[in-house]
Amino acid sequence: MNIIMNVNSTTFVDQFRKANRMDNFSYDALLLLFNYLEDLSEDLQEPIELDVIALCCDYTESDYLSIAQDYMIDLADAEEDKQMEVVKEYLQDHGAFIGETTDCNFLYQNF
C-alpha cells in the first residue's frame, strides 16, 4: 500500500530533524531543496517520495572551494572574485546546481 502525504516546508524540515539529519543541510538549503523538489514534482506530474536518508545521499550543501576540490575543478586561471562563478557554472553544466544559500554555500545534486 502506498500512502501519499502532501508536506509543506515546515513538515519537510521537521522530517530531517526527526531523522537526526539537520547536520546535513542548513535551514536555508533545506528550503531550497524543498522548493526544488516541489517544482520537480509539478514538472514530472507525479509525487516524489520524502526519503530523508536518500536525499542526504543524493544532495550536498558545500562551499565552492570544497566543491572545486571534490570535483577537481581547475580554478587556477580564474580570478579570485570569479572562482565562485566558475564552480556554479560547472554544476549548472552538469545539471546538478540547485541553488545558493544566503551564506554563499551551494546546494547541488551529487554526480
PDB file of N, CA and C in Angstrom:
ATOM      1  N   MET A   1       0.848  -1.165   0.000  1.00  0.00           N
ATOM      2  CA  MET A   1       0.000   0.000   0.000  1.00  0.00           C
ATOM      3  C   MET A   1       0.898   1.233   0.000  1.00  0.00           C
ATOM      4  N   ASN A   2       0.615   2.174  -0.867  1.00  0.00           N
ATOM      5  CA  ASN A   2       1.312   3.454  -0.899  1.00  0.00           C
ATOM      6  C   ASN A   2       0.402   4.533  -0.350  1.00  0.00           C
ATOM      7  N   ILE A   3       0.916   5.277   0.579  1.00  0.00           N
ATOM      8  CA  ILE A   3       0.173   6.408   1.129  1.00  0.00           C
ATOM      9  C   ILE A   3       0.952   7.662   0.781  1.00  0.00           C
ATOM     10  N   ILE A   4       0.298   8.570   0.116  1.00  0.00           N
ATOM     11  CA  ILE A   4       0.921   9.824  -0.280  1.00  0.00           C
ATOM     12  C   ILE A   4       0.474  10.904   0.692  1.00  0.00           C
ATOM     13  N   MET A   5       1.444  11.679   1.168  1.00  0.00           N
ATOM     14  CA  MET A   5       1.128  12.768   2.088  1.00  0.00           C
ATOM     15  C   MET A   5       1.749  14.048   1.534  1.00  0.00           C
ATOM     16  N   ASN A   6       0.954  15.075   1.369  1.00  0.00           N
ATOM     17  CA  ASN A   6       1.479  16.363   0.961  1.00  0.00           C
ATOM     18  C   ASN A   6       2.137  17.019   2.170  1.00  0.00           C
ATOM     19  N   VAL A   7       3.327  17.577   1.961  1.00  0.00           N
ATOM     20  CA  VAL A   7       4.017  18.248   3.055  1.00  0.00           C
ATOM     21  C   VAL A   7       4.317  19.687   2.657  1.00  0.00           C
ATOM     22  N   ASN A   8       4.364  20.542   3.656  1.00  0.00           N
ATOM     23  CA  ASN A   8       4.799  21.910   3.421  1.00  0.00           C
ATOM     24  C   ASN A   8       6.252  22.018   3.857  1.00  0.00           C
ATOM     25  N   SER A   9       6.831  23.178   3.722  1.00  0.00           N
ATOM     26  CA  SER A   9       8.256  23.341   4.033  1.00  0.00           C
ATOM     27  C   SER A   9       8.551  23.064   5.509  1.00  0.00           C
ATOM     28  N   THR A  10       7.642  23.402   6.395  1.00  0.00           N
ATOM     29  CA  THR A  10       7.853  23.159   7.828  1.00  0.00           C
ATOM     30  C   THR A  10       7.896  21.665   8.122  1.00  0.00           C
ATOM     31  N   THR A  11       6.959  20.916   7.564  1.00  0.00           N
ATOM     32  CA  THR A  11       6.934  19.464   7.747  1.00  0.00           C
ATOM     33  C   THR A  11       8.175  18.826   7.123  1.00  0.00           C
ATOM     34  N   PHE A  12       8.597  19.328   5.977  1.00  0.00           N
ATOM     35  CA  PHE A  12       9.782  18.834   5.295  1.00  0.00           C
ATOM     36  C   PHE A  12      10.998  18.968   6.210  1.00  0.00           C
ATOM     37  N   VAL A  13      11.209  20.142   6.756  1.00  0.00           N
ATOM     38  CA  VAL A  13      12.344  20.382   7.662  1.00  0.00           C
ATOM     39  C   VAL A  13      12.220  19.514   8.911  1.00  0.00           C
ATOM     40  N   ASP A  14      11.017  19.387   9.438  1.00  0.00           N
ATOM     41  CA  ASP A  14      10.794  18.560  10.632  1.00  0.00           C
ATOM     42  C   ASP A  14      11.184  17.103  10.402  1.00  0.00           C
ATOM     43  N   GLN A  15      10.983  16.598   9.195  1.00  0.00           N
ATOM     44  CA  GLN A  15      11.356  15.216   8.900  1.00  0.00           C
ATOM     45  C   GLN A  15      12.872  15.023   8.976  1.00  0.00           C
ATOM     46  N   PHE A  16      13.634  16.029   8.582  1.00  0.00           N
ATOM     47  CA  PHE A  16      15.086  15.964   8.717  1.00  0.00           C
ATOM     48  C   PHE A  16      15.483  16.016  10.197  1.00  0.00           C
ATOM     49  N   ARG A  17      14.766  16.831  10.957  1.00  0.00           N
ATOM     50  CA  ARG A  17      15.037  16.934  12.392  1.00  0.00           C
ATOM     51  C   ARG A  17      14.741  15.598  13.084  1.00  0.00           C
ATOM     52  N   LYS A  18      13.612  14.993  12.762  1.00  0.00           N
ATOM     53  CA  LYS A  18      13.227  13.720  13.367  1.00  0.00           C
ATOM     54  C   LYS A  18      14.202  12.602  13.016  1.00  0.00           C
ATOM     55  N   ALA A  19      14.820  12.692  11.823  1.00  0.00           N
ATOM     56  CA  ALA A  19      15.775  11.672  11.382  1.00  0.00           C
ATOM     57  C   ALA A  19      17.205  11.996  11.843  1.00  0.00           C
ATOM     58  N   ASN A  20      17.339  13.026  12.681  1.00  0.00           N
ATOM     59  CA  ASN A  20      18.661  13.473  13.156  1.00  0.00           C
ATOM     60  C   ASN A  20      19.602  13.777  11.993  1.00  0.00           C
ATOM     61  N   ARG A  21      19.093  14.464  10.975  1.00  0.00           N
ATOM     62  CA  ARG A  21      19.876  14.803   9.784  1.00  0.00           C
ATOM     63  C   ARG A  21      19.978  16.310   9.566  1.00  0.00           C
ATOM     64  N   MET A  22      19.810  17.094  10.614  1.00  0.00           N
ATOM     65  CA  MET A  22      19.907  18.550  10.474  1.00  0.00           C
ATOM     66  C   MET A  22      21.341  19.001  10.224  1.00  0.00           C
ATOM     67  N   ASP A  23      22.321  18.135  10.481  1.00  0.00           N
ATOM     68  CA  ASP A  23      23.714  18.488  10.211  1.00  0.00           C
ATOM     69  C   ASP A  23      24.047  18.398   8.727  1.00  0.00           C
ATOM     70  N   ASN A  24      23.202  17.753   7.944  1.00  0.00           N
ATOM     71  CA  ASN A  24      23.482  17.594   6.512  1.00  0.00           C
ATOM     72  C   ASN A  24      23.259  18.878   5.715  1.00  0.00           C
ATOM     73  N   PHE A  25      22.306  19.681   6.152  1.00  0.00           N
ATOM     74  CA  PHE A  25      21.943  20.892   5.413  1.00  0.00           C
ATOM     75  C   PHE A  25      21.612  22.014   6.386  1.00  0.00           C
ATOM     76  N   SER A  26      21.882  23.224   5.959  1.00  0.00           N
ATOM     77  CA  SER A  26      21.419  24.378   6.717  1.00  0.00           C
ATOM     78  C   SER A  26      19.908  24.509   6.491  1.00  0.00           C
ATOM     79  N   TYR A  27      19.270  25.293   7.324  1.00  0.00           N
ATOM     80  CA  TYR A  27      17.837  25.533   7.158  1.00  0.00           C
ATOM     81  C   TYR A  27      17.569  26.137   5.779  1.00  0.00           C
ATOM     82  N   ASP A  28      18.419  27.070   5.381  1.00  0.00           N
ATOM     83  CA  ASP A  28      18.290  27.729   4.088  1.00  0.00           C
ATOM     84  C   ASP A  28      18.381  26.710   2.939  1.00  0.00           C
ATOM     85  N   ALA A  29      19.324  25.779   3.032  1.00  0.00           N
ATOM     86  CA  ALA A  29      19.481  24.753   1.998  1.00  0.00           C
ATOM     87  C   ALA A  29      18.275  23.811   1.977  1.00  0.00           C
ATOM     88  N   LEU A  30      17.718  23.501   3.134  1.00  0.00           N
ATOM     89  CA  LEU A  30      16.527  22.644   3.165  1.00  0.00           C
ATOM     90  C   LEU A  30      15.350  23.307   2.456  1.00  0.00           C
ATOM     91  N   LEU A  31      15.221  24.607   2.620  1.00  0.00           N
ATOM     92  CA  LEU A  31      14.147  25.315   1.917  1.00  0.00           C
ATOM     93  C   LEU A  31      14.386  25.311   0.404  1.00  0.00           C
ATOM     94  N   LEU A  32      15.646  25.483  -0.004  1.00  0.00           N
ATOM     95  CA  LEU A  32      15.976  25.382  -1.427  1.00  0.00           C
ATOM     96  C   LEU A  32      15.636  23.995  -1.963  1.00  0.00           C
ATOM     97  N   LEU A  33      15.995  22.965  -1.195  1.00  0.00           N
ATOM     98  CA  LEU A  33      15.729  21.592  -1.604  1.00  0.00           C
ATOM     99  C   LEU A  33      14.224  21.331  -1.683  1.00  0.00           C
ATOM    100  N   PHE A  34      13.489  21.794  -0.712  1.00  0.00           N
ATOM    101  CA  PHE A  34      12.035  21.626  -0.716  1.00  0.00           C
ATOM    102  C   PHE A  34      11.431  22.257  -1.970  1.00  0.00           C
ATOM    103  N   ASN A  35      11.809  23.500  -2.255  1.00  0.00           N
ATOM    104  CA  ASN A  35      11.261  24.200  -3.422  1.00  0.00           C
ATOM    105  C   ASN A  35      11.658  23.506  -4.727  1.00  0.00           C
ATOM    106  N   TYR A  36      12.887  23.027  -4.794  1.00  0.00           N
ATOM    107  CA  TYR A  36      13.349  22.298  -5.968  1.00  0.00           C
ATOM    108  C   TYR A  36      12.516  21.026  -6.177  1.00  0.00           C
ATOM    109  N   LEU A  37      12.340  20.255  -5.108  1.00  0.00           N
ATOM    110  CA  LEU A  37      11.587  19.002  -5.215  1.00  0.00           C
ATOM    111  C   LEU A  37      10.117  19.258  -5.520  1.00  0.00           C
ATOM    112  N   GLU A  38       9.579  20.317  -4.970  1.00  0.00           N
ATOM    113  CA  GLU A  38       8.185  20.678  -5.255  1.00  0.00           C
ATOM    114  C   GLU A  38       8.019  21.027  -6.738  1.00  0.00           C
ATOM    115  N   ASP A  39       8.949  21.816  -7.274  1.00  0.00           N
ATOM    116  CA  ASP A  39       8.904  22.165  -8.700  1.00  0.00           C
ATOM    117  C   ASP A  39       9.102  20.924  -9.574  1.00  0.00           C
ATOM    118  N   LEU A  40      10.034  20.066  -9.177  1.00  0.00           N
ATOM    119  CA  LEU A  40      10.293  18.840  -9.928  1.00  0.00           C
ATOM    120  C   LEU A  40       9.054  17.950  -9.962  1.00  0.00           C
ATOM    121  N   SER A  41       8.391  17.838  -8.835  1.00  0.00           N
ATOM    122  CA  SER A  41       7.176  17.033  -8.751  1.00  0.00           C
ATOM    123  C   SER A  41       6.099  17.573  -9.696  1.00  0.00           C
ATOM    124  N   GLU A  42       5.968  18.890  -9.740  1.00  0.00           N
ATOM    125  CA  GLU A  42       4.992  19.502 -10.644  1.00  0.00           C
ATOM    126  C   GLU A  42       5.382  19.273 -12.101  1.00  0.00           C
ATOM    127  N   ASP A  43       6.680  19.401 -12.408  1.00  0.00           N
ATOM    128  CA  ASP A  43       7.146  19.186 -13.779  1.00  0.00           C
ATOM    129  C   ASP A  43       6.921  17.746 -14.225  1.00  0.00           C
ATOM    130  N   LEU A  44       7.180  16.806 -13.326  1.00  0.00           N
ATOM    131  CA  LEU A  44       7.005  15.388 -13.634  1.00  0.00           C
ATOM    132  C   LEU A  44       5.544  14.952 -13.565  1.00  0.00           C
ATOM    133  N   GLN A  45       4.734  15.760 -12.926  1.00  0.00           N
ATOM    134  CA  GLN A  45       3.322  15.471 -12.676  1.00  0.00           C
ATOM    135  C   GLN A  45       3.148  14.169 -11.908  1.00  0.00           C
ATOM    136  N   GLU A  46       4.040  13.976 -10.946  1.00  0.00           N
ATOM    137  CA  GLU A  46       3.919  12.822 -10.055  1.00  0.00           C
ATOM    138  C   GLU A  46       4.564  13.170  -8.719  1.00  0.00           C
ATOM    139  N   PRO A  47       4.098  12.519  -7.662  1.00  0.00           N
ATOM    140  CA  PRO A  47       4.652  12.820  -6.345  1.00  0.00           C
ATOM    141  C   PRO A  47       6.082  12.303  -6.201  1.00  0.00           C
ATOM    142  N   ILE A  48       6.828  12.934  -5.330  1.00  0.00           N
ATOM    143  CA  ILE A  48       8.180  12.499  -5.004  1.00  0.00           C
ATOM    144  C   ILE A  48       8.174  12.017  -3.564  1.00  0.00           C
ATOM    145  N   GLU A  49       8.703  10.837  -3.352  1.00  0.00           N
ATOM    146  CA  GLU A  49       8.753  10.255  -2.020  1.00  0.00           C
ATOM    147  C   GLU A  49       9.718  11.042  -1.139  1.00  0.00           C
ATOM    148  N   LEU A  50       9.286  11.363   0.065  1.00  0.00           N
ATOM    149  CA  LEU A  50      10.145  12.048   1.027  1.00  0.00           C
ATOM    150  C   LEU A  50      10.945  10.992   1.786  1.00  0.00           C
ATOM    151  N   ASP A  51      12.146  10.745   1.307  1.00  0.00           N
ATOM    152  CA  ASP A  51      13.068   9.799   1.921  1.00  0.00           C
ATOM    153  C   ASP A  51      14.289  10.599   2.364  1.00  0.00           C
ATOM    154  N   VAL A  52      14.320  10.964   3.625  1.00  0.00           N
ATOM    155  CA  VAL A  52      15.356  11.846   4.158  1.00  0.00           C
ATOM    156  C   VAL A  52      16.754  11.277   3.921  1.00  0.00           C
ATOM    157  N   ILE A  53      16.929  10.008   4.171  1.00  0.00           N
ATOM    158  CA  ILE A  53      18.251   9.390   4.011  1.00  0.00           C
ATOM    159  C   ILE A  53      18.687   9.448   2.545  1.00  0.00           C
ATOM    160  N   ALA A  54      17.796   9.131   1.641  1.00  0.00           N
ATOM    161  CA  ALA A  54      18.124   9.180   0.215  1.00  0.00           C
ATOM    162  C   ALA A  54      18.466  10.607  -0.214  1.00  0.00           C
ATOM    163  N   LEU A  55      17.719  11.573   0.274  1.00  0.00           N
ATOM    164  CA  LEU A  55      18.008  12.963  -0.071  1.00  0.00           C
ATOM    165  C   LEU A  55      19.381  13.390   0.456  1.00  0.00           C
ATOM    166  N   CYS A  56      19.740  12.914   1.638  1.00  0.00           N
ATOM    167  CA  CYS A  56      21.058  13.221   2.190  1.00  0.00           C
ATOM    168  C   CYS A  56      22.172  12.578   1.366  1.00  0.00           C
ATOM    169  N   CYS A  57      21.875  11.472   0.723  1.00  0.00           N
ATOM    170  CA  CYS A  57      22.864  10.814  -0.139  1.00  0.00           C
ATOM    171  C   CYS A  57      22.932  11.461  -1.519  1.00  0.00           C
ATOM    172  N   ASP A  58      21.811  11.958  -1.991  1.00  0.00           N
ATOM    173  CA  ASP A  58      21.721  12.472  -3.356  1.00  0.00           C
ATOM    174  C   ASP A  58      22.087  13.950  -3.499  1.00  0.00           C
ATOM    175  N   TYR A  59      21.998  14.710  -2.414  1.00  0.00           N
ATOM    176  CA  TYR A  59      22.226  16.150  -2.466  1.00  0.00           C
ATOM    177  C   TYR A  59      23.245  16.561  -1.413  1.00  0.00           C
ATOM    178  N   THR A  60      23.988  17.620  -1.719  1.00  0.00           N
ATOM    179  CA  THR A  60      25.013  18.111  -0.809  1.00  0.00           C
ATOM    180  C   THR A  60      24.980  19.629  -0.778  1.00  0.00           C
ATOM    181  N   GLU A  61      25.262  20.160   0.390  1.00  0.00           N
ATOM    182  CA  GLU A  61      25.473  21.593   0.552  1.00  0.00           C
ATOM    183  C   GLU A  61      26.941  21.779   0.911  1.00  0.00           C
ATOM    184  N   SER A  62      27.615  22.643   0.172  1.00  0.00           N
ATOM    185  CA  SER A  62      29.036  22.835   0.428  1.00  0.00           C
ATOM    186  C   SER A  62      29.489  24.188  -0.104  1.00  0.00           C
ATOM    187  N   ASP A  63      30.654  24.632   0.362  1.00  0.00           N
ATOM    188  CA  ASP A  63      31.228  25.867  -0.155  1.00  0.00           C
ATOM    189  C   ASP A  63      31.913  25.582  -1.498  1.00  0.00           C
ATOM    190  N   TYR A  64      32.094  26.617  -2.275  1.00  0.00           N
ATOM    191  CA  TYR A  64      32.600  26.427  -3.644  1.00  0.00           C
ATOM    192  C   TYR A  64      34.015  25.871  -3.687  1.00  0.00           C
ATOM    193  N   LEU A  65      34.852  26.197  -2.720  1.00  0.00           N
ATOM    194  CA  LEU A  65      36.218  25.670  -2.731  1.00  0.00           C
ATOM    195  C   LEU A  65      36.239  24.164  -2.484  1.00  0.00           C
ATOM    196  N   SER A  66      35.396  23.689  -1.598  1.00  0.00           N
ATOM    197  CA  SER A  66      35.305  22.245  -1.345  1.00  0.00           C
ATOM    198  C   SER A  66      34.769  21.509  -2.565  1.00  0.00           C
ATOM    199  N   ILE A  67      33.795  22.117  -3.232  1.00  0.00           N
ATOM    200  CA  ILE A  67      33.248  21.503  -4.443  1.00  0.00           C
ATOM    201  C   ILE A  67      34.328  21.439  -5.520  1.00  0.00           C
ATOM    202  N   ALA A  68      35.072  22.522  -5.677  1.00  0.00           N
ATOM    203  CA  ALA A  68      36.154  22.550  -6.672  1.00  0.00           C
ATOM    204  C   ALA A  68      37.163  21.443  -6.390  1.00  0.00           C
ATOM    205  N   GLN A  69      37.483  21.247  -5.132  1.00  0.00           N
ATOM    206  CA  GLN A  69      38.424  20.193  -4.761  1.00  0.00           C
ATOM    207  C   GLN A  69      37.827  18.813  -5.013  1.00  0.00           C
ATOM    208  N   ASP A  70      36.584  18.600  -4.593  1.00  0.00           N
ATOM    209  CA  ASP A  70      35.935  17.296  -4.741  1.00  0.00           C
ATOM    210  C   ASP A  70      35.779  16.882  -6.202  1.00  0.00           C
ATOM    211  N   TYR A  71      35.511  17.844  -7.085  1.00  0.00           N
ATOM    212  CA  TYR A  71      35.276  17.542  -8.497  1.00  0.00           C
ATOM    213  C   TYR A  71      36.444  17.951  -9.390  1.00  0.00           C
ATOM    214  N   MET A  72      37.560  18.262  -8.769  1.00  0.00           N
ATOM    215  CA  MET A  72      38.789  18.622  -9.480  1.00  0.00           C
ATOM    216  C   MET A  72      38.548  19.705 -10.530  1.00  0.00           C
ATOM    217  N   ILE A  73      37.863  20.764 -10.105  1.00  0.00           N
ATOM    218  CA  ILE A  73      37.608  21.908 -10.973  1.00  0.00           C
ATOM    219  C   ILE A  73      38.826  22.822 -10.882  1.00  0.00           C
ATOM    220  N   ASP A  74      39.425  23.091 -11.999  1.00  0.00           N
ATOM    221  CA  ASP A  74      40.633  23.907 -12.042  1.00  0.00           C
ATOM    222  C   ASP A  74      40.255  25.389 -11.928  1.00  0.00           C
ATOM    223  N   LEU A  75      40.661  25.997 -10.827  1.00  0.00           N
ATOM    224  CA  LEU A  75      40.384  27.411 -10.598  1.00  0.00           C
ATOM    225  C   LEU A  75      41.618  28.282 -10.806  1.00  0.00           C
ATOM    226  N   ALA A  76      42.710  27.673 -11.250  1.00  0.00           N
ATOM    227  CA  ALA A  76      43.986  28.391 -11.364  1.00  0.00           C
ATOM    228  C   ALA A  76      43.904  29.597 -12.302  1.00  0.00           C
ATOM    229  N   ASP A  77      43.155  29.486 -13.379  1.00  0.00           N
ATOM    230  CA  ASP A  77      43.071  30.581 -14.349  1.00  0.00           C
ATOM    231  C   ASP A  77      41.994  31.611 -14.013  1.00  0.00           C
ATOM    232  N   ALA A  78      41.165  31.318 -13.026  1.00  0.00           N
ATOM    233  CA  ALA A  78      40.079  32.230 -12.670  1.00  0.00           C
ATOM    234  C   ALA A  78      40.539  33.212 -11.602  1.00  0.00           C
ATOM    235  N   GLU A  79      40.178  34.466 -11.800  1.00  0.00           N
ATOM    236  CA  GLU A  79      40.461  35.460 -10.769  1.00  0.00           C
ATOM    237  C   GLU A  79      39.693  35.079  -9.511  1.00  0.00           C
ATOM    238  N   GLU A  80      40.233  35.463  -8.366  1.00  0.00           N
ATOM    239  CA  GLU A  80      39.636  35.044  -7.093  1.00  0.00           C
ATOM    240  C   GLU A  80      38.163  35.411  -6.989  1.00  0.00           C
ATOM    241  N   ASP A  81      37.788  36.589  -7.463  1.00  0.00           N
ATOM    242  CA  ASP A  81      36.391  37.010  -7.370  1.00  0.00           C
ATOM    243  C   ASP A  81      35.484  36.321  -8.391  1.00  0.00           C
ATOM    244  N   LYS A  82      36.066  35.524  -9.291  1.00  0.00           N
ATOM    245  CA  LYS A  82      35.291  34.789 -10.305  1.00  0.00           C
ATOM    246  C   LYS A  82      35.244  33.288 -10.036  1.00  0.00           C
ATOM    247  N   GLN A  83      35.994  32.814  -9.061  1.00  0.00           N
ATOM    248  CA  GLN A  83      36.077  31.375  -8.801  1.00  0.00           C
ATOM    249  C   GLN A  83      34.734  30.774  -8.412  1.00  0.00           C
ATOM    250  N   MET A  84      33.989  31.494  -7.620  1.00  0.00           N
ATOM    251  CA  MET A  84      32.679  31.013  -7.195  1.00  0.00           C
ATOM    252  C   MET A  84      31.771  30.802  -8.413  1.00  0.00           C
ATOM    253  N   GLU A  85      31.822  31.734  -9.345  1.00  0.00           N
ATOM    254  CA  GLU A  85      31.011  31.642 -10.557  1.00  0.00           C
ATOM    255  C   GLU A  85      31.448  30.463 -11.428  1.00  0.00           C
ATOM    256  N   VAL A  86      32.752  30.181 -11.485  1.00  0.00           N
ATOM    257  CA  VAL A  86      33.265  29.044 -12.255  1.00  0.00           C
ATOM    258  C   VAL A  86      32.683  27.737 -11.717  1.00  0.00           C
ATOM    259  N   VAL A  87      32.669  27.602 -10.397  1.00  0.00           N
ATOM    260  CA  VAL A  87      32.125  26.380  -9.778  1.00  0.00           C
ATOM    261  C   VAL A  87      30.623  26.288 -10.022  1.00  0.00           C
ATOM    262  N   LYS A  88      29.935  27.396  -9.888  1.00  0.00           N
ATOM    263  CA  LYS A  88      28.485  27.413 -10.126  1.00  0.00           C
ATOM    264  C   LYS A  88      28.180  26.991 -11.565  1.00  0.00           C
ATOM    265  N   GLU A  89      28.923  27.530 -12.529  1.00  0.00           N
ATOM    266  CA  GLU A  89      28.717  27.166 -13.932  1.00  0.00           C
ATOM    267  C   GLU A  89      29.024  25.691 -14.171  1.00  0.00           C
ATOM    268  N   TYR A  90      30.040  25.175 -13.512  1.00  0.00           N
ATOM    269  CA  TYR A  90      30.373  23.752 -13.634  1.00  0.00           C
ATOM    270  C   TYR A  90      29.197  22.893 -13.179  1.00  0.00           C
ATOM    271  N   LEU A  91      28.633  23.236 -12.032  1.00  0.00           N
ATOM    272  CA  LEU A  91      27.489  22.487 -11.517  1.00  0.00           C
ATOM    273  C   LEU A  91      26.282  22.621 -12.448  1.00  0.00           C
ATOM    274  N   GLN A  92      26.063  23.830 -12.957  1.00  0.00           N
ATOM    275  CA  GLN A  92      24.946  24.040 -13.883  1.00  0.00           C
ATOM    276  C   GLN A  92      25.137  23.229 -15.161  1.00  0.00           C
ATOM    277  N   ASP A  93      26.370  23.199 -15.674  1.00  0.00           N
ATOM    278  CA  ASP A  93      26.653  22.444 -16.898  1.00  0.00           C
ATOM    279  C   ASP A  93      26.411  20.948 -16.719  1.00  0.00           C
ATOM    280  N   HIS A  94      26.548  20.472 -15.493  1.00  0.00           N
ATOM    281  CA  HIS A  94      26.324  19.053 -15.205  1.00  0.00           C
ATOM    282  C   HIS A  94      24.909  18.787 -14.693  1.00  0.00           C
ATOM    283  N   GLY A  95      24.054  19.811 -14.750  1.00  0.00           N
ATOM    284  CA  GLY A  95      22.666  19.660 -14.337  1.00  0.00           C
ATOM    285  C   GLY A  95      22.491  19.393 -12.866  1.00  0.00           C
ATOM    286  N   ALA A  96      23.448  19.849 -12.055  1.00  0.00           N
ATOM    287  CA  ALA A  96      23.426  19.494 -10.642  1.00  0.00           C
ATOM    288  C   ALA A  96      23.152  20.677  -9.712  1.00  0.00           C
ATOM    289  N   PHE A  97      23.229  21.900 -10.209  1.00  0.00           N
ATOM    290  CA  PHE A  97      23.076  23.070  -9.349  1.00  0.00           C
ATOM    291  C   PHE A  97      21.621  23.255  -8.953  1.00  0.00           C
ATOM    292  N   ILE A  98      21.373  23.331  -7.642  1.00  0.00           N
ATOM    293  CA  ILE A  98      20.017  23.534  -7.137  1.00  0.00           C
ATOM    294  C   ILE A  98      19.828  24.983  -6.710  1.00  0.00           C
ATOM    295  N   GLY A  99      20.805  25.514  -5.985  1.00  0.00           N
ATOM    296  CA  GLY A  99      20.685  26.893  -5.541  1.00  0.00           C
ATOM    297  C   GLY A  99      21.836  27.299  -4.649  1.00  0.00           C
ATOM    298  N   GLU A 100      21.813  28.577  -4.277  1.00  0.00           N
ATOM    299  CA  GLU A 100      22.836  29.148  -3.410  1.00  0.00           C
ATOM    300  C   GLU A 100      22.179  29.644  -2.130  1.00  0.00           C
ATOM    301  N   THR A 101      22.786  29.302  -0.994  1.00  0.00           N
ATOM    302  CA  THR A 101      22.249  29.734   0.293  1.00  0.00           C
ATOM    303  C   THR A 101      22.675  31.167   0.582  1.00  0.00           C
ATOM    304  N   THR A 102      22.072  31.749   1.590  1.00  0.00           N
ATOM    305  CA  THR A 102      22.405  33.122   1.955  1.00  0.00           C
ATOM    306  C   THR A 102      23.828  33.258   2.473  1.00  0.00           C
ATOM    307  N   ASP A 103      24.435  32.171   2.926  1.00  0.00           N
ATOM    308  CA  ASP A 103      25.830  32.230   3.376  1.00  0.00           C
ATOM    309  C   ASP A 103      26.792  31.746   2.297  1.00  0.00           C
ATOM    310  N   CYS A 104      26.341  31.776   1.036  1.00  0.00           N
ATOM    311  CA  CYS A 104      27.159  31.505  -0.153  1.00  0.00           C
ATOM    312  C   CYS A 104      27.595  30.053  -0.312  1.00  0.00           C
ATOM    313  N   ASN A 105      26.897  29.131   0.313  1.00  0.00           N
ATOM    314  CA  ASN A 105      27.118  27.714   0.010  1.00  0.00           C
ATOM    315  C   ASN A 105      26.250  27.335  -1.171  1.00  0.00           C
ATOM    316  N   PHE A 106      26.657  26.280  -1.868  1.00  0.00           N
ATOM    317  CA  PHE A 106      25.862  25.782  -2.980  1.00  0.00           C
ATOM    318  C   PHE A 106      25.167  24.492  -2.563  1.00  0.00           C
ATOM    319  N   LEU A 107      23.937  24.339  -2.998  1.00  0.00           N
ATOM    320  CA  LEU A 107      23.208  23.086  -2.857  1.00  0.00           C
ATOM    321  C   LEU A 107      23.193  22.463  -4.243  1.00  0.00           C
ATOM    322  N   TYR A 108      23.627  21.201  -4.319  1.00  0.00           N
ATOM    323  CA  TYR A 108      23.712  20.547  -5.617  1.00  0.00           C
ATOM    324  C   TYR A 108      23.431  19.056  -5.485  1.00  0.00           C
ATOM    325  N   GLN A 109      23.061  18.482  -6.634  1.00  0.00           N
ATOM    326  CA  GLN A 109      22.828  17.039  -6.700  1.00  0.00           C
ATOM    327  C   GLN A 109      24.156  16.370  -6.995  1.00  0.00           C
ATOM    328  N   ASN A 110      24.493  15.364  -6.198  1.00  0.00           N
ATOM    329  CA  ASN A 110      25.750  14.644  -6.388  1.00  0.00           C
ATOM    330  C   ASN A 110      25.757  13.941  -7.735  1.00  0.00           C
ATOM    331  N   PHE A 111      26.908  13.883  -8.339  1.00  0.00           N
ATOM    332  CA  PHE A 111      27.054  13.167  -9.612  1.00  0.00           C
ATOM    333  C   PHE A 111      28.393  12.510  -9.672  1.00  0.00           C
TER     334      PHE A 111
END
